[in-house]
Amino acid sequence: FADVVRAFSGLAGAVDALVPAYEKLLQDPEAEVRTAATYNFAEVAGTDASVTDGDPSSGPDARVSVASRLVGRVPSLVEDDSENVRAALAEVATGLAPALGRDG
């Protein structure tokens, strides 16, 4: 999924459609889908693209990094009912540090 985000990051609005789709994969009812999406978490978060922040109070033009937008999904992954999802997050956790930066 990270390759798709990188490939389409130059097209206006593409990342704004792709990141919410990725977020839906992280919340999919099937544990296998959430696990596969979680294995890609660090790579997707590490893309250089920006996306709307998803907060209606910020206004339609407020942009944040993909990592900043996705970091809000980590608590639900940490508490996921599936051990495989939690294990996938543990495996990619060290890869999140560069994407989140020093203050992330």
N, C-alpha and C. Protein backbone atom coordinates (compact mmCIF):
# COMPACT_ATOMS: atom_id res chain seq x y z
N PHE A 1 0.82 -1.18 0.00
CA PHE A 1 0.00 0.00 0.00
C PHE A 1 0.87 1.25 0.00
N ALA A 2 2.02 1.17 0.64
CA ALA A 2 2.93 2.32 0.67
C ALA A 2 3.39 2.69 -0.73
N ASP A 3 3.63 1.68 -1.57
CA ASP A 3 4.04 1.95 -2.95
C ASP A 3 2.94 2.67 -3.72
N VAL A 4 1.70 2.33 -3.45
CA VAL A 4 0.57 2.99 -4.10
C VAL A 4 0.49 4.45 -3.66
N VAL A 5 0.64 4.69 -2.36
CA VAL A 5 0.60 6.07 -1.85
C VAL A 5 1.73 6.88 -2.47
N ARG A 6 2.94 6.30 -2.53
CA ARG A 6 4.07 7.02 -3.14
C ARG A 6 3.81 7.30 -4.62
N ALA A 7 3.28 6.32 -5.33
CA ALA A 7 3.06 6.47 -6.77
C ALA A 7 2.03 7.55 -7.08
N PHE A 8 1.04 7.68 -6.24
CA PHE A 8 -0.03 8.63 -6.52
C PHE A 8 0.07 9.93 -5.72
N SER A 9 1.15 10.10 -4.97
CA SER A 9 1.27 11.29 -4.13
C SER A 9 1.32 12.59 -4.93
N GLY A 10 1.69 12.52 -6.18
CA GLY A 10 1.75 13.72 -7.01
C GLY A 10 0.41 14.14 -7.59
N LEU A 11 -0.58 13.28 -7.51
CA LEU A 11 -1.90 13.60 -8.04
C LEU A 11 -2.75 14.25 -6.97
N ALA A 12 -3.29 15.41 -7.30
CA ALA A 12 -4.11 16.14 -6.34
C ALA A 12 -5.28 15.29 -5.86
N GLY A 13 -5.42 15.17 -4.58
CA GLY A 13 -6.54 14.45 -3.99
C GLY A 13 -6.36 12.95 -3.88
N ALA A 14 -5.36 12.38 -4.53
CA ALA A 14 -5.21 10.93 -4.51
C ALA A 14 -4.89 10.41 -3.10
N VAL A 15 -3.95 11.03 -2.44
CA VAL A 15 -3.58 10.58 -1.10
C VAL A 15 -4.74 10.81 -0.13
N ASP A 16 -5.50 11.87 -0.37
CA ASP A 16 -6.66 12.14 0.49
C ASP A 16 -7.72 11.05 0.36
N ALA A 17 -7.71 10.30 -0.72
CA ALA A 17 -8.62 9.17 -0.88
C ALA A 17 -7.97 7.87 -0.42
N LEU A 18 -6.66 7.73 -0.63
CA LEU A 18 -5.97 6.48 -0.29
C LEU A 18 -5.81 6.27 1.22
N VAL A 19 -5.45 7.31 1.94
CA VAL A 19 -5.21 7.15 3.38
C VAL A 19 -6.48 6.75 4.13
N PRO A 20 -7.63 7.38 3.87
CA PRO A 20 -8.85 6.89 4.53
C PRO A 20 -9.18 5.44 4.15
N ALA A 21 -8.88 5.05 2.93
CA ALA A 21 -9.10 3.66 2.54
C ALA A 21 -8.18 2.73 3.34
N TYR A 22 -6.95 3.16 3.54
CA TYR A 22 -6.01 2.37 4.35
C TYR A 22 -6.49 2.30 5.81
N GLU A 23 -6.99 3.42 6.32
CA GLU A 23 -7.51 3.42 7.69
C GLU A 23 -8.67 2.43 7.84
N LYS A 24 -9.48 2.32 6.81
CA LYS A 24 -10.59 1.35 6.85
C LYS A 24 -10.06 -0.08 6.87
N LEU A 25 -8.95 -0.33 6.18
CA LEU A 25 -8.34 -1.66 6.23
C LEU A 25 -7.86 -1.98 7.64
N LEU A 26 -7.35 -0.97 8.35
CA LEU A 26 -6.90 -1.17 9.72
C LEU A 26 -8.05 -1.45 10.68
N GLN A 27 -9.27 -1.14 10.24
CA GLN A 27 -10.47 -1.35 11.08
C GLN A 27 -11.37 -2.44 10.51
N ASP A 28 -10.91 -3.16 9.53
CA ASP A 28 -11.72 -4.18 8.88
C ASP A 28 -12.20 -5.23 9.89
N PRO A 29 -13.40 -5.77 9.69
CA PRO A 29 -13.89 -6.80 10.60
C PRO A 29 -13.04 -8.08 10.61
N GLU A 30 -12.36 -8.35 9.51
CA GLU A 30 -11.54 -9.57 9.41
C GLU A 30 -10.13 -9.32 9.97
N ALA A 31 -9.75 -10.14 10.93
CA ALA A 31 -8.44 -10.00 11.56
C ALA A 31 -7.30 -10.15 10.56
N GLU A 32 -7.49 -11.00 9.55
CA GLU A 32 -6.43 -11.20 8.55
C GLU A 32 -6.16 -9.92 7.76
N VAL A 33 -7.22 -9.18 7.47
CA VAL A 33 -7.06 -7.91 6.74
C VAL A 33 -6.36 -6.89 7.62
N ARG A 34 -6.79 -6.79 8.88
CA ARG A 34 -6.13 -5.85 9.80
C ARG A 34 -4.67 -6.21 9.99
N THR A 35 -4.37 -7.51 10.06
CA THR A 35 -2.97 -7.95 10.23
C THR A 35 -2.14 -7.55 9.03
N ALA A 36 -2.63 -7.82 7.83
CA ALA A 36 -1.89 -7.46 6.61
C ALA A 36 -1.68 -5.95 6.52
N ALA A 37 -2.71 -5.19 6.85
CA ALA A 37 -2.58 -3.73 6.81
C ALA A 37 -1.58 -3.24 7.86
N THR A 38 -1.59 -3.86 9.02
CA THR A 38 -0.67 -3.46 10.08
C THR A 38 0.78 -3.74 9.70
N TYR A 39 1.03 -4.83 9.01
CA TYR A 39 2.40 -5.11 8.55
C TYR A 39 2.93 -4.00 7.64
N ASN A 40 2.05 -3.25 6.99
CA ASN A 40 2.46 -2.15 6.12
C ASN A 40 2.44 -0.79 6.81
N PHE A 41 2.08 -0.77 8.08
CA PHE A 41 1.87 0.49 8.80
C PHE A 41 3.09 1.42 8.74
N ALA A 42 4.25 0.91 9.07
CA ALA A 42 5.45 1.75 9.11
C ALA A 42 5.79 2.30 7.74
N GLU A 43 5.64 1.48 6.71
CA GLU A 43 5.94 1.95 5.35
C GLU A 43 4.96 3.02 4.89
N VAL A 44 3.69 2.82 5.16
CA VAL A 44 2.68 3.81 4.76
C VAL A 44 2.92 5.10 5.55
N ALA A 45 3.13 4.99 6.85
CA ALA A 45 3.37 6.17 7.68
C ALA A 45 4.65 6.90 7.27
N GLY A 46 5.60 6.18 6.71
CA GLY A 46 6.88 6.78 6.32
C GLY A 46 6.89 7.48 4.98
N THR A 47 5.78 7.46 4.27
CA THR A 47 5.75 8.17 2.99
C THR A 47 5.83 9.67 3.22
N ASP A 48 6.34 10.38 2.25
CA ASP A 48 6.52 11.83 2.37
C ASP A 48 5.26 12.62 2.04
N ALA A 49 4.19 11.95 1.74
CA ALA A 49 2.96 12.62 1.33
C ALA A 49 2.29 13.31 2.52
N SER A 50 1.46 14.27 2.20
CA SER A 50 0.63 14.91 3.21
C SER A 50 -0.83 14.63 2.87
N VAL A 51 -1.66 14.75 3.89
CA VAL A 51 -3.06 14.38 3.75
C VAL A 51 -3.88 15.33 4.63
N THR A 52 -5.17 15.47 4.33
CA THR A 52 -6.01 16.27 5.22
C THR A 52 -5.98 15.63 6.59
N ASP A 53 -6.08 16.43 7.62
CA ASP A 53 -5.93 15.88 8.96
C ASP A 53 -7.15 15.11 9.46
N GLY A 54 -8.25 15.18 8.75
CA GLY A 54 -9.42 14.40 9.12
C GLY A 54 -10.25 15.01 10.24
N ASP A 55 -9.84 16.15 10.73
CA ASP A 55 -10.57 16.84 11.79
C ASP A 55 -11.37 17.98 11.17
N PRO A 56 -12.69 17.88 11.15
CA PRO A 56 -13.50 18.92 10.53
C PRO A 56 -13.29 20.31 11.13
N SER A 57 -12.92 20.38 12.40
CA SER A 57 -12.72 21.69 13.04
C SER A 57 -11.45 22.38 12.55
N SER A 58 -10.55 21.63 11.90
CA SER A 58 -9.30 22.22 11.41
C SER A 58 -9.48 22.91 10.07
N GLY A 59 -10.59 22.67 9.42
CA GLY A 59 -10.83 23.26 8.11
C GLY A 59 -10.41 22.31 7.01
N PRO A 60 -10.94 22.51 5.82
CA PRO A 60 -10.68 21.58 4.71
C PRO A 60 -9.26 21.63 4.16
N ASP A 61 -8.53 22.71 4.44
CA ASP A 61 -7.19 22.84 3.87
C ASP A 61 -6.08 22.45 4.84
N ALA A 62 -6.42 22.04 6.05
CA ALA A 62 -5.40 21.64 7.03
C ALA A 62 -4.76 20.33 6.60
N ARG A 63 -3.44 20.33 6.48
CA ARG A 63 -2.71 19.15 6.01
C ARG A 63 -1.71 18.72 7.07
N VAL A 64 -1.54 17.41 7.16
CA VAL A 64 -0.57 16.82 8.08
C VAL A 64 0.15 15.70 7.34
N SER A 65 1.23 15.22 7.94
CA SER A 65 1.92 14.08 7.33
C SER A 65 1.03 12.84 7.48
N VAL A 66 1.27 11.87 6.64
CA VAL A 66 0.52 10.62 6.72
C VAL A 66 0.77 9.98 8.10
N ALA A 67 1.99 10.05 8.60
CA ALA A 67 2.31 9.48 9.91
C ALA A 67 1.48 10.13 11.00
N SER A 68 1.36 11.45 10.96
CA SER A 68 0.57 12.15 11.98
C SER A 68 -0.89 11.73 11.94
N ARG A 69 -1.39 11.51 10.75
CA ARG A 69 -2.79 11.09 10.62
C ARG A 69 -2.99 9.66 11.13
N LEU A 70 -2.04 8.78 10.82
CA LEU A 70 -2.20 7.37 11.17
C LEU A 70 -1.88 7.05 12.62
N VAL A 71 -1.11 7.89 13.29
CA VAL A 71 -0.71 7.58 14.66
C VAL A 71 -1.93 7.43 15.57
N GLY A 72 -3.02 8.06 15.23
CA GLY A 72 -4.24 7.91 16.02
C GLY A 72 -4.83 6.51 15.96
N ARG A 73 -4.39 5.70 15.01
CA ARG A 73 -4.89 4.32 14.88
C ARG A 73 -4.12 3.33 15.75
N VAL A 74 -2.99 3.74 16.27
CA VAL A 74 -2.14 2.82 17.05
C VAL A 74 -2.85 2.28 18.29
N PRO A 75 -3.53 3.11 19.09
CA PRO A 75 -4.18 2.55 20.29
C PRO A 75 -5.17 1.42 19.99
N SER A 76 -5.94 1.55 18.92
CA SER A 76 -6.89 0.49 18.60
C SER A 76 -6.16 -0.78 18.15
N LEU A 77 -5.00 -0.63 17.51
CA LEU A 77 -4.23 -1.80 17.11
C LEU A 77 -3.57 -2.47 18.31
N VAL A 78 -3.12 -1.67 19.26
CA VAL A 78 -2.51 -2.21 20.48
C VAL A 78 -3.53 -3.04 21.27
N GLU A 79 -4.78 -2.61 21.24
CA GLU A 79 -5.83 -3.28 22.01
C GLU A 79 -6.67 -4.23 21.15
N ASP A 80 -6.23 -4.52 19.94
CA ASP A 80 -6.99 -5.38 19.04
C ASP A 80 -7.22 -6.76 19.66
N ASP A 81 -8.39 -7.33 19.37
CA ASP A 81 -8.71 -8.66 19.88
C ASP A 81 -7.81 -9.75 19.30
N SER A 82 -7.26 -9.49 18.11
CA SER A 82 -6.43 -10.49 17.44
C SER A 82 -4.97 -10.39 17.88
N GLU A 83 -4.47 -11.50 18.36
CA GLU A 83 -3.06 -11.55 18.74
C GLU A 83 -2.15 -11.30 17.53
N ASN A 84 -2.59 -11.73 16.35
CA ASN A 84 -1.80 -11.53 15.14
C ASN A 84 -1.66 -10.05 14.79
N VAL A 85 -2.71 -9.28 15.00
CA VAL A 85 -2.64 -7.84 14.74
C VAL A 85 -1.67 -7.20 15.71
N ARG A 86 -1.77 -7.55 16.97
CA ARG A 86 -0.86 -6.98 17.96
C ARG A 86 0.58 -7.38 17.68
N ALA A 87 0.79 -8.62 17.26
CA ALA A 87 2.14 -9.08 16.93
C ALA A 87 2.69 -8.33 15.71
N ALA A 88 1.84 -8.11 14.72
CA ALA A 88 2.27 -7.37 13.53
C ALA A 88 2.68 -5.95 13.91
N LEU A 89 1.92 -5.32 14.78
CA LEU A 89 2.27 -3.96 15.23
C LEU A 89 3.60 -3.98 15.98
N ALA A 90 3.81 -4.98 16.82
CA ALA A 90 5.07 -5.09 17.56
C ALA A 90 6.25 -5.24 16.60
N GLU A 91 6.05 -5.98 15.51
CA GLU A 91 7.13 -6.19 14.53
C GLU A 91 7.49 -4.91 13.79
N VAL A 92 6.52 -4.05 13.53
CA VAL A 92 6.80 -2.84 12.75
C VAL A 92 7.02 -1.61 13.63
N ALA A 93 6.89 -1.77 14.94
CA ALA A 93 6.97 -0.62 15.85
C ALA A 93 8.28 0.14 15.72
N THR A 94 9.40 -0.56 15.61
CA THR A 94 10.68 0.15 15.49
C THR A 94 10.78 0.93 14.19
N GLY A 95 10.08 0.48 13.17
CA GLY A 95 10.07 1.19 11.90
C GLY A 95 9.24 2.46 11.94
N LEU A 96 8.42 2.61 12.97
CA LEU A 96 7.60 3.82 13.09
C LEU A 96 8.40 5.02 13.60
N ALA A 97 9.47 4.77 14.32
CA ALA A 97 10.24 5.87 14.92
C ALA A 97 10.70 6.90 13.89
N PRO A 98 11.30 6.50 12.77
CA PRO A 98 11.71 7.51 11.80
C PRO A 98 10.52 8.27 11.20
N ALA A 99 9.40 7.59 11.02
CA ALA A 99 8.23 8.23 10.42
C ALA A 99 7.61 9.25 11.38
N LEU A 100 7.61 8.93 12.67
CA LEU A 100 7.00 9.82 13.64
C LEU A 100 7.92 10.96 14.07
N GLY A 101 9.19 10.75 13.92
CA GLY A 101 10.13 11.80 14.28
C GLY A 101 10.41 11.83 15.77
N ARG A 102 11.22 12.73 16.14
CA ARG A 102 11.68 12.82 17.52
C ARG A 102 10.56 13.18 18.50
N ASP A 103 9.65 14.04 18.08
CA ASP A 103 8.58 14.49 18.96
C ASP A 103 7.31 13.67 18.83
N GLY A 104 7.25 12.69 17.86
CA GLY A 104 6.04 11.93 17.59
C GLY A 104 5.68 11.09 18.72
